[in-house]
Amino acid sequence: METRKYAAIDGRGAIVVQQGPVPEPGPGEVLVDVHASLISSGTELGGVKRLRESPRERPPRPFGYQNAGCVIALGEGCRGLEPGMRVACMGAGYALHATVACVPQNLVFPLAENITFEEAAFNHLAATALQAVRRADVRLGEYLAVFGLGTIGQICCQLGRLAGAYVLGVDLFPLRVEKARELGAHAVALAGRDDLGAVVSELTGGHGLDAAIIAFGGDATETFKQIVRLMKTAPDTHKMGNIVIVGGARIAHEFASALGNLNVLSSARTGPGYHDEAWERGRDYPDVFVRWTTRRNVELCLRLISEGRLRVAPLITHRYPLEQVPEACEKIIQTPEETISVVLVMK
């Protein structure tokens, strides 16, 4: 195998399929024959919209950060992996939408036999959602609302329920709201149409939300103000609880007395380790000091998928061969109301 195909985006926001040499795995790297990858509609395609609004000359560059396939070859120093092993892969610049990927060993995860390659391709976004739920610090019996029911939001709803919370899912699009209901959300609401105050009051018995997650990009100021009104209120009138922003949202809001004693938290990426080059290529952080690294978060997500407790296959609304990645991306960009998770199939 001398060449590979991969998806790329140029400076004008055009999406193309290109061909280039297969990379050689360096020390601590794994070469993988990719079977499926998952498009991230927010991180990957939000940038496409911005490029099209302000185009510039730039050659196409590969994109993608989560896929699954079989190990072809191992670089020096790789441990716990062998050629032919079924694996999930993550990482921007590594786990590309490509027929072959070269990925650092700590971002490569062996798969249980009952996990499909399509399910395994959710690994990066699943761990991102898990990190957001951890940041929300939801406890057994508490009330969590997730605003934005794309792939990350849908997984946040499921993980919140697994953590013991009563979960409300909110989105603009009926397809996504109904999918959250189908996958176990205790309550759902259509943003801008349903009376959220009434829905939250019924779910929480009038107590208000303990936590909320904003899982979409763009201007979220009005959503944030709405969430603040829905959070639990202390007898001294202060709002309390945790609000986590995992999407690339922008918010304008006053703090101090205007916000009460709410914790406003950013949740970035998949957990400690990712983007530490030494960690990615094999060094680990001690479990006793850093319990939930990126690797352990992904491993837990894959275990939950294997056990049937986290259901990602029902989130797939469309499948395309790699050669049709321009059509796949346009589908997501132009008709978001018809899509949740879109998979590219290589085999």
C-alpha atoms as a PDB file:
ATOM      1  CA  MET A   1       0.000   0.000   0.000  1.00  0.00           C
ATOM      2  CA  GLU A   2       1.845   3.088  -1.232  1.00  0.00           C
ATOM      3  CA  THR A   3      -0.863   5.755  -1.351  1.00  0.00           C
ATOM      4  CA  ARG A   4      -3.897   6.749   0.681  1.00  0.00           C
ATOM      5  CA  LYS A   5      -6.963   8.888   0.076  1.00  0.00           C
ATOM      6  CA  TYR A   6      -8.034  11.565   2.543  1.00  0.00           C
ATOM      7  CA  ALA A   7     -10.560  14.395   2.933  1.00  0.00           C
ATOM      8  CA  ALA A   8      -9.206  17.957   2.851  1.00  0.00           C
ATOM      9  CA  ILE A   9     -10.427  21.570   3.129  1.00  0.00           C
ATOM     10  CA  ASP A  10      -8.855  24.504   1.292  1.00  0.00           C
ATOM     11  CA  GLY A  11      -8.786  28.213   2.169  1.00  0.00           C
ATOM     12  CA  ARG A  12     -12.072  28.848   0.354  1.00  0.00           C
ATOM     13  CA  GLY A  13     -13.937  26.221   2.333  1.00  0.00           C
ATOM     14  CA  ALA A  14     -14.042  23.732  -0.529  1.00  0.00           C
ATOM     15  CA  ILE A  15     -14.031  20.090   0.573  1.00  0.00           C
ATOM     16  CA  VAL A  16     -12.149  17.640  -1.651  1.00  0.00           C
ATOM     17  CA  VAL A  17     -10.727  14.126  -1.670  1.00  0.00           C
ATOM     18  CA  GLN A  18      -6.972  13.958  -2.253  1.00  0.00           C
ATOM     19  CA  GLN A  19      -4.374  11.252  -2.598  1.00  0.00           C
ATOM     20  CA  GLY A  20      -0.902  11.090  -1.091  1.00  0.00           C
ATOM     21  CA  PRO A  21       1.782   8.757   0.222  1.00  0.00           C
ATOM     22  CA  VAL A  22       1.115   6.483   3.173  1.00  0.00           C
ATOM     23  CA  PRO A  23       3.172   7.783   6.130  1.00  0.00           C
ATOM     24  CA  GLU A  24       5.739   5.635   7.879  1.00  0.00           C
ATOM     25  CA  PRO A  25       4.981   5.149  11.598  1.00  0.00           C
ATOM     26  CA  GLY A  26       7.633   6.774  13.751  1.00  0.00           C
ATOM     27  CA  PRO A  27       8.547   5.886  17.346  1.00  0.00           C
ATOM     28  CA  GLY A  28       5.401   5.444  19.415  1.00  0.00           C
ATOM     29  CA  GLU A  29       3.109   5.603  16.354  1.00  0.00           C
ATOM     30  CA  VAL A  30       0.612   3.152  14.871  1.00  0.00           C
ATOM     31  CA  LEU A  31      -0.369   2.772  11.215  1.00  0.00           C
ATOM     32  CA  VAL A  32      -4.068   1.907  10.828  1.00  0.00           C
ATOM     33  CA  ASP A  33      -6.143   0.697   7.879  1.00  0.00           C
ATOM     34  CA  VAL A  34      -9.296   2.793   8.439  1.00  0.00           C
ATOM     35  CA  HIS A  35     -12.762   1.299   7.995  1.00  0.00           C
ATOM     36  CA  ALA A  36     -14.979   4.159   9.260  1.00  0.00           C
ATOM     37  CA  SER A  37     -14.691   7.729  10.525  1.00  0.00           C
ATOM     38  CA  LEU A  38     -17.142  10.189  12.060  1.00  0.00           C
ATOM     39  CA  ILE A  39     -17.510  13.822  10.955  1.00  0.00           C
ATOM     40  CA  SER A  40     -17.641  16.447  13.710  1.00  0.00           C
ATOM     41  CA  SER A  41     -20.223  18.948  12.507  1.00  0.00           C
ATOM     42  CA  GLY A  42     -19.136  21.595  15.017  1.00  0.00           C
ATOM     43  CA  THR A  43     -15.349  21.620  15.233  1.00  0.00           C
ATOM     44  CA  GLU A  44     -14.681  20.596  11.631  1.00  0.00           C
ATOM     45  CA  LEU A  45     -17.503  22.198   9.681  1.00  0.00           C
ATOM     46  CA  GLY A  46     -18.015  25.329  11.765  1.00  0.00           C
ATOM     47  CA  GLY A  47     -14.644  26.400  10.405  1.00  0.00           C
ATOM     48  CA  VAL A  48     -15.798  25.692   6.848  1.00  0.00           C
ATOM     49  CA  LYS A  49     -18.593  28.229   7.212  1.00  0.00           C
ATOM     50  CA  ARG A  50     -16.118  30.859   8.394  1.00  0.00           C
ATOM     51  CA  LEU A  51     -13.747  30.124   5.503  1.00  0.00           C
ATOM     52  CA  ARG A  52     -16.542  30.578   2.993  1.00  0.00           C
ATOM     53  CA  GLU A  53     -17.461  33.913   4.526  1.00  0.00           C
ATOM     54  CA  SER A  54     -13.833  35.147   4.316  1.00  0.00           C
ATOM     55  CA  PRO A  55     -12.102  33.027   1.642  1.00  0.00           C
ATOM     56  CA  ARG A  56      -8.342  33.081   1.188  1.00  0.00           C
ATOM     57  CA  GLU A  57      -5.804  31.191  -0.854  1.00  0.00           C
ATOM     58  CA  ARG A  58      -4.559  28.158   1.027  1.00  0.00           C
ATOM     59  CA  PRO A  59      -3.838  24.663  -0.261  1.00  0.00           C
ATOM     60  CA  PRO A  60      -6.143  21.860   0.888  1.00  0.00           C
ATOM     61  CA  ARG A  61      -5.179  20.316   4.229  1.00  0.00           C
ATOM     62  CA  PRO A  62      -6.425  17.034   5.725  1.00  0.00           C
ATOM     63  CA  PHE A  63      -9.035  17.045   8.468  1.00  0.00           C
ATOM     64  CA  GLY A  64     -10.765  14.633  10.829  1.00  0.00           C
ATOM     65  CA  TYR A  65     -10.052  13.400  14.350  1.00  0.00           C
ATOM     66  CA  GLN A  66     -11.832  10.100  15.037  1.00  0.00           C
ATOM     67  CA  ASN A  67     -11.893   6.836  13.156  1.00  0.00           C
ATOM     68  CA  ALA A  68     -11.573   3.061  13.550  1.00  0.00           C
ATOM     69  CA  GLY A  69      -9.938   0.214  11.660  1.00  0.00           C
ATOM     70  CA  CYS A  70      -7.202  -2.418  11.883  1.00  0.00           C
ATOM     71  CA  VAL A  71      -3.517  -2.040  12.785  1.00  0.00           C
ATOM     72  CA  ILE A  72      -1.167  -2.389   9.798  1.00  0.00           C
ATOM     73  CA  ALA A  73       2.203  -1.634  11.368  1.00  0.00           C
ATOM     74  CA  LEU A  74       3.798  -0.401  14.580  1.00  0.00           C
ATOM     75  CA  GLY A  75       6.561   2.122  15.169  1.00  0.00           C
ATOM     76  CA  GLU A  76       9.405   1.514  17.576  1.00  0.00           C
ATOM     77  CA  GLY A  77       8.401   1.280  21.216  1.00  0.00           C
ATOM     78  CA  CYS A  78       4.683   0.577  20.748  1.00  0.00           C
ATOM     79  CA  ARG A  79       3.228  -1.681  23.426  1.00  0.00           C
ATOM     80  CA  GLY A  80      -0.009  -3.638  23.769  1.00  0.00           C
ATOM     81  CA  LEU A  81      -0.852  -3.553  20.056  1.00  0.00           C
ATOM     82  CA  GLU A  82      -0.175  -5.868  17.131  1.00  0.00           C
ATOM     83  CA  PRO A  83      -0.872  -5.987  13.365  1.00  0.00           C
ATOM     84  CA  GLY A  84      -4.448  -7.002  12.570  1.00  0.00           C
ATOM     85  CA  MET A  85      -5.863  -5.749  15.873  1.00  0.00           C
ATOM     86  CA  ARG A  86      -9.180  -3.873  15.655  1.00  0.00           C
ATOM     87  CA  VAL A  87      -8.783  -0.377  17.115  1.00  0.00           C
ATOM     88  CA  ALA A  88     -10.391   3.023  17.574  1.00  0.00           C
ATOM     89  CA  CYS A  89      -8.254   6.120  16.954  1.00  0.00           C
ATOM     90  CA  MET A  90      -8.565   9.782  17.920  1.00  0.00           C
ATOM     91  CA  GLY A  91      -6.698  13.054  17.619  1.00  0.00           C
ATOM     92  CA  ALA A  92      -6.706  16.052  15.273  1.00  0.00           C
ATOM     93  CA  GLY A  93      -4.088  15.654  12.563  1.00  0.00           C
ATOM     94  CA  TYR A  94      -3.859  11.923  13.275  1.00  0.00           C
ATOM     95  CA  ALA A  95      -7.218  10.104  13.071  1.00  0.00           C
ATOM     96  CA  LEU A  96      -8.106  11.694   9.749  1.00  0.00           C
ATOM     97  CA  HIS A  97     -10.949  11.002   7.353  1.00  0.00           C
ATOM     98  CA  ALA A  98      -8.568   8.816   5.383  1.00  0.00           C
ATOM     99  CA  THR A  99      -8.092   5.278   4.146  1.00  0.00           C
ATOM    100  CA  VAL A 100      -4.909   4.997   6.248  1.00  0.00           C
ATOM    101  CA  ALA A 101      -4.031   6.912   9.425  1.00  0.00           C
ATOM    102  CA  CYS A 102      -0.840   7.269  11.484  1.00  0.00           C
ATOM    103  CA  VAL A 103      -1.730   7.806  15.150  1.00  0.00           C
ATOM    104  CA  PRO A 104       0.269   8.044  18.429  1.00  0.00           C
ATOM    105  CA  GLN A 105      -0.111   4.848  20.466  1.00  0.00           C
ATOM    106  CA  ASN A 106      -1.851   6.455  23.466  1.00  0.00           C
ATOM    107  CA  LEU A 107      -4.603   7.642  21.102  1.00  0.00           C
ATOM    108  CA  VAL A 108      -5.199   4.106  19.770  1.00  0.00           C
ATOM    109  CA  PHE A 109      -7.611   1.819  21.641  1.00  0.00           C
ATOM    110  CA  PRO A 110      -8.196  -1.935  21.206  1.00  0.00           C
ATOM    111  CA  LEU A 111     -11.841  -2.831  20.557  1.00  0.00           C
ATOM    112  CA  ALA A 112     -14.108  -5.465  22.010  1.00  0.00           C
ATOM    113  CA  GLU A 113     -15.383  -7.829  19.334  1.00  0.00           C
ATOM    114  CA  ASN A 114     -18.987  -6.655  19.712  1.00  0.00           C
ATOM    115  CA  ILE A 115     -18.187  -3.009  18.852  1.00  0.00           C
ATOM    116  CA  THR A 116     -18.546  -2.108  15.175  1.00  0.00           C
ATOM    117  CA  PHE A 117     -16.067   0.200  13.457  1.00  0.00           C
ATOM    118  CA  GLU A 118     -18.854   2.767  13.027  1.00  0.00           C
ATOM    119  CA  GLU A 119     -19.587   2.749  16.767  1.00  0.00           C
ATOM    120  CA  ALA A 120     -15.884   2.936  17.582  1.00  0.00           C
ATOM    121  CA  ALA A 121     -15.533   6.020  15.370  1.00  0.00           C
ATOM    122  CA  PHE A 122     -17.520   7.974  17.994  1.00  0.00           C
ATOM    123  CA  ASN A 123     -14.626   7.653  20.440  1.00  0.00           C
ATOM    124  CA  HIS A 124     -13.348  11.259  20.447  1.00  0.00           C
ATOM    125  CA  LEU A 125     -16.738  12.972  20.683  1.00  0.00           C
ATOM    126  CA  ALA A 126     -17.919  10.445  23.276  1.00  0.00           C
ATOM    127  CA  ALA A 127     -14.931  11.250  25.498  1.00  0.00           C
ATOM    128  CA  THR A 128     -15.518  14.979  24.936  1.00  0.00           C
ATOM    129  CA  ALA A 129     -19.083  14.520  26.178  1.00  0.00           C
ATOM    130  CA  LEU A 130     -17.867  12.470  29.142  1.00  0.00           C
ATOM    131  CA  GLN A 131     -15.438  15.234  30.111  1.00  0.00           C
ATOM    132  CA  ALA A 132     -18.307  17.763  30.002  1.00  0.00           C
ATOM    133  CA  VAL A 133     -20.512  15.593  32.244  1.00  0.00           C
ATOM    134  CA  ARG A 134     -17.614  15.221  34.672  1.00  0.00           C
ATOM    135  CA  ARG A 135     -17.203  19.004  34.722  1.00  0.00           C
ATOM    136  CA  ALA A 136     -20.938  19.392  35.433  1.00  0.00           C
ATOM    137  CA  ASP A 137     -20.391  17.211  38.523  1.00  0.00           C
ATOM    138  CA  VAL A 138     -23.901  15.773  38.433  1.00  0.00           C
ATOM    139  CA  ARG A 139     -24.864  13.487  41.295  1.00  0.00           C
ATOM    140  CA  LEU A 140     -27.419  10.747  41.778  1.00  0.00           C
ATOM    141  CA  GLY A 141     -30.923  12.230  41.725  1.00  0.00           C
ATOM    142  CA  GLU A 142     -29.928  15.693  40.476  1.00  0.00           C
ATOM    143  CA  TYR A 143     -31.406  17.490  37.460  1.00  0.00           C
ATOM    144  CA  LEU A 144     -29.363  18.133  34.307  1.00  0.00           C
ATOM    145  CA  ALA A 145     -30.390  19.957  31.124  1.00  0.00           C
ATOM    146  CA  VAL A 146     -28.453  19.616  27.862  1.00  0.00           C
ATOM    147  CA  PHE A 147     -28.934  22.398  25.320  1.00  0.00           C
ATOM    148  CA  GLY A 148     -27.933  21.325  21.791  1.00  0.00           C
ATOM    149  CA  LEU A 149     -28.588  17.730  20.776  1.00  0.00           C
ATOM    150  CA  GLY A 150     -25.988  17.060  18.129  1.00  0.00           C
ATOM    151  CA  THR A 151     -23.645  14.126  18.662  1.00  0.00           C
ATOM    152  CA  ILE A 152     -22.014  15.508  21.822  1.00  0.00           C
ATOM    153  CA  GLY A 153     -25.298  16.682  23.318  1.00  0.00           C
ATOM    154  CA  GLN A 154     -26.968  13.328  22.678  1.00  0.00           C
ATOM    155  CA  ILE A 155     -24.111  11.499  24.386  1.00  0.00           C
ATOM    156  CA  CYS A 156     -24.153  13.981  27.289  1.00  0.00           C
ATOM    157  CA  CYS A 157     -27.825  13.127  27.819  1.00  0.00           C
ATOM    158  CA  GLN A 158     -27.077   9.407  27.971  1.00  0.00           C
ATOM    159  CA  LEU A 159     -24.038   9.799  30.223  1.00  0.00           C
ATOM    160  CA  GLY A 160     -25.921  12.152  32.526  1.00  0.00           C
ATOM    161  CA  ARG A 161     -28.586   9.519  32.940  1.00  0.00           C
ATOM    162  CA  LEU A 162     -25.943   6.852  33.586  1.00  0.00           C
ATOM    163  CA  ALA A 163     -24.514   9.127  36.294  1.00  0.00           C
ATOM    164  CA  GLY A 164     -27.914   9.048  38.008  1.00  0.00           C
ATOM    165  CA  ALA A 165     -29.290  12.436  36.939  1.00  0.00           C
ATOM    166  CA  TYR A 166     -32.752  13.205  35.615  1.00  0.00           C
ATOM    167  CA  VAL A 167     -32.055  14.619  32.158  1.00  0.00           C
ATOM    168  CA  LEU A 168     -33.767  17.214  29.966  1.00  0.00           C
ATOM    169  CA  GLY A 169     -32.699  17.548  26.305  1.00  0.00           C
ATOM    170  CA  VAL A 170     -33.352  20.783  24.388  1.00  0.00           C
ATOM    171  CA  ASP A 171     -32.822  21.552  20.691  1.00  0.00           C
ATOM    172  CA  LEU A 172     -34.267  23.545  17.793  1.00  0.00           C
ATOM    173  CA  PHE A 173     -34.873  20.490  15.599  1.00  0.00           C
ATOM    174  CA  PRO A 174     -37.619  17.887  16.150  1.00  0.00           C
ATOM    175  CA  LEU A 175     -35.453  15.025  14.813  1.00  0.00           C
ATOM    176  CA  ARG A 176     -32.838  15.579  17.513  1.00  0.00           C
ATOM    177  CA  VAL A 177     -35.389  16.080  20.277  1.00  0.00           C
ATOM    178  CA  GLU A 178     -37.171  12.844  19.393  1.00  0.00           C
ATOM    179  CA  LYS A 179     -33.875  10.947  19.235  1.00  0.00           C
ATOM    180  CA  ALA A 180     -32.980  12.134  22.745  1.00  0.00           C
ATOM    181  CA  ARG A 181     -36.378  10.955  23.967  1.00  0.00           C
ATOM    182  CA  GLU A 182     -35.900   7.588  22.231  1.00  0.00           C
ATOM    183  CA  LEU A 183     -32.502   7.139  23.894  1.00  0.00           C
ATOM    184  CA  GLY A 184     -33.732   7.745  27.406  1.00  0.00           C
ATOM    185  CA  ALA A 185     -33.930  11.466  28.217  1.00  0.00           C
ATOM    186  CA  HIS A 186     -36.501  11.929  30.987  1.00  0.00           C
ATOM    187  CA  ALA A 187     -37.858  15.085  29.321  1.00  0.00           C
ATOM    188  CA  VAL A 188     -37.318  16.929  26.034  1.00  0.00           C
ATOM    189  CA  ALA A 189     -38.236  20.346  24.682  1.00  0.00           C
ATOM    190  CA  LEU A 190     -38.149  22.217  21.393  1.00  0.00           C
ATOM    191  CA  ALA A 191     -36.259  25.489  21.857  1.00  0.00           C
ATOM    192  CA  GLY A 192     -38.370  28.516  21.056  1.00  0.00           C
ATOM    193  CA  ARG A 193     -41.611  26.526  20.975  1.00  0.00           C
ATOM    194  CA  ASP A 194     -42.105  24.673  24.241  1.00  0.00           C
ATOM    195  CA  ASP A 195     -42.509  26.377  27.622  1.00  0.00           C
ATOM    196  CA  LEU A 196     -39.148  25.500  29.152  1.00  0.00           C
ATOM    197  CA  GLY A 197     -40.091  26.905  32.530  1.00  0.00           C
ATOM    198  CA  ALA A 198     -43.057  24.558  32.734  1.00  0.00           C
ATOM    199  CA  VAL A 199     -41.014  21.572  31.492  1.00  0.00           C
ATOM    200  CA  VAL A 200     -38.255  22.172  34.063  1.00  0.00           C
ATOM    201  CA  SER A 201     -40.765  22.745  36.853  1.00  0.00           C
ATOM    202  CA  GLU A 202     -42.477  19.443  36.098  1.00  0.00           C
ATOM    203  CA  LEU A 203     -39.185  17.522  35.818  1.00  0.00           C
ATOM    204  CA  THR A 204     -37.678  18.951  39.005  1.00  0.00           C
ATOM    205  CA  GLY A 205     -40.804  19.279  41.137  1.00  0.00           C
ATOM    206  CA  GLY A 206     -40.281  23.033  41.154  1.00  0.00           C
ATOM    207  CA  HIS A 207     -36.719  22.886  42.524  1.00  0.00           C
ATOM    208  CA  GLY A 208     -34.903  24.031  39.363  1.00  0.00           C
ATOM    209  CA  LEU A 209     -31.856  22.624  37.585  1.00  0.00           C
ATOM    210  CA  ASP A 210     -28.700  21.524  39.372  1.00  0.00           C
ATOM    211  CA  ALA A 211     -26.603  21.624  36.195  1.00  0.00           C
ATOM    212  CA  ALA A 212     -26.777  22.465  32.512  1.00  0.00           C
ATOM    213  CA  ILE A 213     -24.535  21.821  29.519  1.00  0.00           C
ATOM    214  CA  ILE A 214     -24.383  24.059  26.435  1.00  0.00           C
ATOM    215  CA  ALA A 215     -23.376  21.736  23.588  1.00  0.00           C
ATOM    216  CA  PHE A 216     -23.548  23.986  20.530  1.00  0.00           C
ATOM    217  CA  GLY A 217     -21.474  26.741  18.955  1.00  0.00           C
ATOM    218  CA  GLY A 218     -22.159  30.358  18.064  1.00  0.00           C
ATOM    219  CA  ASP A 219     -23.894  33.039  20.120  1.00  0.00           C
ATOM    220  CA  ALA A 220     -25.403  31.370  23.183  1.00  0.00           C
ATOM    221  CA  THR A 221     -26.155  34.508  25.208  1.00  0.00           C
ATOM    222  CA  GLU A 222     -29.940  34.163  25.141  1.00  0.00           C
ATOM    223  CA  THR A 223     -29.736  30.451  25.904  1.00  0.00           C
ATOM    224  CA  PHE A 224     -27.401  31.185  28.810  1.00  0.00           C
ATOM    225  CA  LYS A 225     -29.792  33.793  30.241  1.00  0.00           C
ATOM    226  CA  GLN A 226     -32.622  31.289  29.945  1.00  0.00           C
ATOM    227  CA  ILE A 227     -30.581  28.629  31.718  1.00  0.00           C
ATOM    228  CA  VAL A 228     -29.772  31.036  34.548  1.00  0.00           C
ATOM    229  CA  ARG A 229     -33.497  31.574  35.118  1.00  0.00           C
ATOM    230  CA  LEU A 230     -34.059  27.797  35.221  1.00  0.00           C
ATOM    231  CA  MET A 231     -31.332  26.978  37.755  1.00  0.00           C
ATOM    232  CA  LYS A 232     -32.125  26.267  41.402  1.00  0.00           C
ATOM    233  CA  THR A 233     -32.574  29.314  43.627  1.00  0.00           C
ATOM    234  CA  ALA A 234     -31.391  29.721  47.210  1.00  0.00           C
ATOM    235  CA  PRO A 235     -33.669  31.351  49.829  1.00  0.00           C
ATOM    236  CA  ASP A 236     -31.531  34.499  49.547  1.00  0.00           C
ATOM    237  CA  THR A 237     -32.489  34.604  45.799  1.00  0.00           C
ATOM    238  CA  HIS A 238     -29.012  33.606  44.551  1.00  0.00           C
ATOM    239  CA  LYS A 239     -28.933  31.184  41.628  1.00  0.00           C
ATOM    240  CA  MET A 240     -26.786  28.120  42.236  1.00  0.00           C
ATOM    241  CA  GLY A 241     -25.437  25.119  40.297  1.00  0.00           C
ATOM    242  CA  ASN A 242     -23.038  24.347  37.430  1.00  0.00           C
ATOM    243  CA  ILE A 243     -23.266  25.521  33.822  1.00  0.00           C
ATOM    244  CA  VAL A 244     -20.771  23.848  31.467  1.00  0.00           C
ATOM    245  CA  ILE A 245     -19.942  25.079  27.963  1.00  0.00           C
ATOM    246  CA  VAL A 246     -18.547  22.285  25.770  1.00  0.00           C
ATOM    247  CA  GLY A 247     -19.497  23.710  22.351  1.00  0.00           C
ATOM    248  CA  GLY A 248     -17.690  26.677  20.828  1.00  0.00           C
ATOM    249  CA  ALA A 249     -20.247  29.096  22.250  1.00  0.00           C
ATOM    250  CA  ARG A 250     -19.912  32.826  22.873  1.00  0.00           C
ATOM    251  CA  ILE A 251     -21.671  34.385  25.885  1.00  0.00           C
ATOM    252  CA  ALA A 252     -22.060  37.985  27.049  1.00  0.00           C
ATOM    253  CA  HIS A 253     -23.297  38.227  30.630  1.00  0.00           C
ATOM    254  CA  GLU A 254     -22.569  40.184  33.773  1.00  0.00           C
ATOM    255  CA  PHE A 255     -21.142  38.335  36.747  1.00  0.00           C
ATOM    256  CA  ALA A 256     -21.270  38.828  40.538  1.00  0.00           C
ATOM    257  CA  SER A 257     -24.770  39.777  41.714  1.00  0.00           C
ATOM    258  CA  ALA A 258     -26.117  39.507  38.156  1.00  0.00           C
ATOM    259  CA  LEU A 259     -25.247  35.801  38.096  1.00  0.00           C
ATOM    260  CA  GLY A 260     -25.559  34.742  41.709  1.00  0.00           C
ATOM    261  CA  ASN A 261     -23.355  31.878  42.866  1.00  0.00           C
ATOM    262  CA  LEU A 262     -23.448  29.842  39.692  1.00  0.00           C
ATOM    263  CA  ASN A 263     -20.308  28.037  38.524  1.00  0.00           C
ATOM    264  CA  VAL A 264     -19.693  28.724  34.830  1.00  0.00           C
ATOM    265  CA  LEU A 265     -17.260  26.104  33.532  1.00  0.00           C
ATOM    266  CA  SER A 266     -15.475  25.483  30.253  1.00  0.00           C
ATOM    267  CA  SER A 267     -14.997  21.875  29.178  1.00  0.00           C
ATOM    268  CA  ALA A 268     -12.193  21.408  26.672  1.00  0.00           C
ATOM    269  CA  ARG A 269     -11.461  18.287  24.692  1.00  0.00           C
ATOM    270  CA  THR A 270     -11.305  14.750  26.064  1.00  0.00           C
ATOM    271  CA  GLY A 271      -9.364  14.990  29.324  1.00  0.00           C
ATOM    272  CA  PRO A 272      -5.702  15.332  30.410  1.00  0.00           C
ATOM    273  CA  GLY A 273      -2.979  14.081  28.077  1.00  0.00           C
ATOM    274  CA  TYR A 274      -4.328  15.005  24.656  1.00  0.00           C
ATOM    275  CA  HIS A 275      -1.888  17.456  23.001  1.00  0.00           C
ATOM    276  CA  ASP A 276       0.968  16.435  25.312  1.00  0.00           C
ATOM    277  CA  GLU A 277       3.245  14.882  22.683  1.00  0.00           C
ATOM    278  CA  ALA A 278       5.208  12.754  25.167  1.00  0.00           C
ATOM    279  CA  TRP A 279       1.971  11.419  26.677  1.00  0.00           C
ATOM    280  CA  GLU A 280       0.454  10.689  23.260  1.00  0.00           C
ATOM    281  CA  ARG A 281       3.481   8.577  22.291  1.00  0.00           C
ATOM    282  CA  GLY A 282       3.425   6.352  25.345  1.00  0.00           C
ATOM    283  CA  ARG A 283       4.099   8.157  28.615  1.00  0.00           C
ATOM    284  CA  ASP A 284       1.187   8.029  31.078  1.00  0.00           C
ATOM    285  CA  TYR A 285       0.127  10.139  34.041  1.00  0.00           C
ATOM    286  CA  PRO A 286      -0.090   8.136  37.303  1.00  0.00           C
ATOM    287  CA  ASP A 287      -3.632   6.902  37.879  1.00  0.00           C
ATOM    288  CA  VAL A 288      -3.433   7.808  41.563  1.00  0.00           C
ATOM    289  CA  PHE A 289      -2.897  11.508  40.706  1.00  0.00           C
ATOM    290  CA  VAL A 290      -4.741  11.859  37.365  1.00  0.00           C
ATOM    291  CA  ARG A 291      -7.593   9.376  37.415  1.00  0.00           C
ATOM    292  CA  TRP A 292      -9.395  10.272  34.195  1.00  0.00           C
ATOM    293  CA  THR A 293      -6.904  10.943  31.434  1.00  0.00           C
ATOM    294  CA  THR A 294      -8.003  11.110  27.815  1.00  0.00           C
ATOM    295  CA  ARG A 295      -7.086   7.454  27.409  1.00  0.00           C
ATOM    296  CA  ARG A 296      -9.082   6.289  30.406  1.00  0.00           C
ATOM    297  CA  ASN A 297     -12.054   8.431  29.342  1.00  0.00           C
ATOM    298  CA  VAL A 298     -12.066   6.891  25.860  1.00  0.00           C
ATOM    299  CA  GLU A 299     -11.630   3.399  27.272  1.00  0.00           C
ATOM    300  CA  LEU A 300     -14.633   3.919  29.540  1.00  0.00           C
ATOM    301  CA  CYS A 301     -16.769   5.183  26.646  1.00  0.00           C
ATOM    302  CA  LEU A 302     -15.840   2.137  24.558  1.00  0.00           C
ATOM    303  CA  ARG A 303     -16.640  -0.138  27.501  1.00  0.00           C
ATOM    304  CA  LEU A 304     -20.063   1.491  27.914  1.00  0.00           C
ATOM    305  CA  ILE A 305     -20.721   1.019  24.193  1.00  0.00           C
ATOM    306  CA  SER A 306     -19.661  -2.620  24.413  1.00  0.00           C
ATOM    307  CA  GLU A 307     -21.967  -3.161  27.380  1.00  0.00           C
ATOM    308  CA  GLY A 308     -24.907  -1.553  25.553  1.00  0.00           C
ATOM    309  CA  ARG A 309     -25.195   1.205  28.162  1.00  0.00           C
ATOM    310  CA  LEU A 310     -24.102   3.973  25.776  1.00  0.00           C
ATOM    311  CA  ARG A 311     -25.930   3.734  22.448  1.00  0.00           C
ATOM    312  CA  VAL A 312     -24.280   5.569  19.566  1.00  0.00           C
ATOM    313  CA  ALA A 313     -25.376   3.557  16.510  1.00  0.00           C
ATOM    314  CA  PRO A 314     -28.926   5.042  16.649  1.00  0.00           C
ATOM    315  CA  LEU A 315     -27.374   8.514  16.313  1.00  0.00           C
ATOM    316  CA  ILE A 316     -26.141   7.746  12.776  1.00  0.00           C
ATOM    317  CA  THR A 317     -28.494   9.430  10.313  1.00  0.00           C
ATOM    318  CA  HIS A 318     -26.332   9.156   7.181  1.00  0.00           C
ATOM    319  CA  ARG A 319     -23.458   7.099   5.765  1.00  0.00           C
ATOM    320  CA  TYR A 320     -21.277   8.074   2.799  1.00  0.00           C
ATOM    321  CA  PRO A 321     -18.209   6.562   1.137  1.00  0.00           C
ATOM    322  CA  LEU A 322     -15.067   8.665   1.535  1.00  0.00           C
ATOM    323  CA  GLU A 323     -15.281   9.694  -2.132  1.00  0.00           C
ATOM    324  CA  GLN A 324     -18.549  11.482  -1.313  1.00  0.00           C
ATOM    325  CA  VAL A 325     -17.208  13.487   1.641  1.00  0.00           C
ATOM    326  CA  PRO A 326     -18.058  16.798  -0.129  1.00  0.00           C
ATOM    327  CA  GLU A 327     -21.715  15.708  -0.338  1.00  0.00           C
ATOM    328  CA  ALA A 328     -21.638  14.456   3.260  1.00  0.00           C
ATOM    329  CA  CYS A 329     -20.331  17.753   4.581  1.00  0.00           C
ATOM    330  CA  GLU A 330     -22.766  19.798   2.501  1.00  0.00           C
ATOM    331  CA  LYS A 331     -25.604  17.700   3.914  1.00  0.00           C
ATOM    332  CA  ILE A 332     -24.546  18.630   7.434  1.00  0.00           C
ATOM    333  CA  ILE A 333     -23.991  22.300   6.611  1.00  0.00           C
ATOM    334  CA  GLN A 334     -27.105  22.900   4.511  1.00  0.00           C
ATOM    335  CA  THR A 335     -29.682  20.716   6.294  1.00  0.00           C
ATOM    336  CA  PRO A 336     -28.686  20.349   9.968  1.00  0.00           C
ATOM    337  CA  GLU A 337     -32.306  19.655  10.830  1.00  0.00           C
ATOM    338  CA  GLU A 338     -31.987  16.317   8.988  1.00  0.00           C
ATOM    339  CA  THR A 339     -28.697  15.113  10.498  1.00  0.00           C
ATOM    340  CA  ILE A 340     -27.236  14.075  13.834  1.00  0.00           C
ATOM    341  CA  SER A 341     -24.163  11.909  13.223  1.00  0.00           C
ATOM    342  CA  VAL A 342     -22.676  11.301   9.751  1.00  0.00           C
ATOM    343  CA  VAL A 343     -20.231   8.444   9.164  1.00  0.00           C
ATOM    344  CA  LEU A 344     -17.740   8.010   6.332  1.00  0.00           C
ATOM    345  CA  VAL A 345     -17.238   4.390   5.296  1.00  0.00           C
ATOM    346  CA  MET A 346     -13.904   3.332   3.774  1.00  0.00           C
ATOM    347  CA  LYS A 347     -14.582  -0.391   3.273  1.00  0.00           C
END
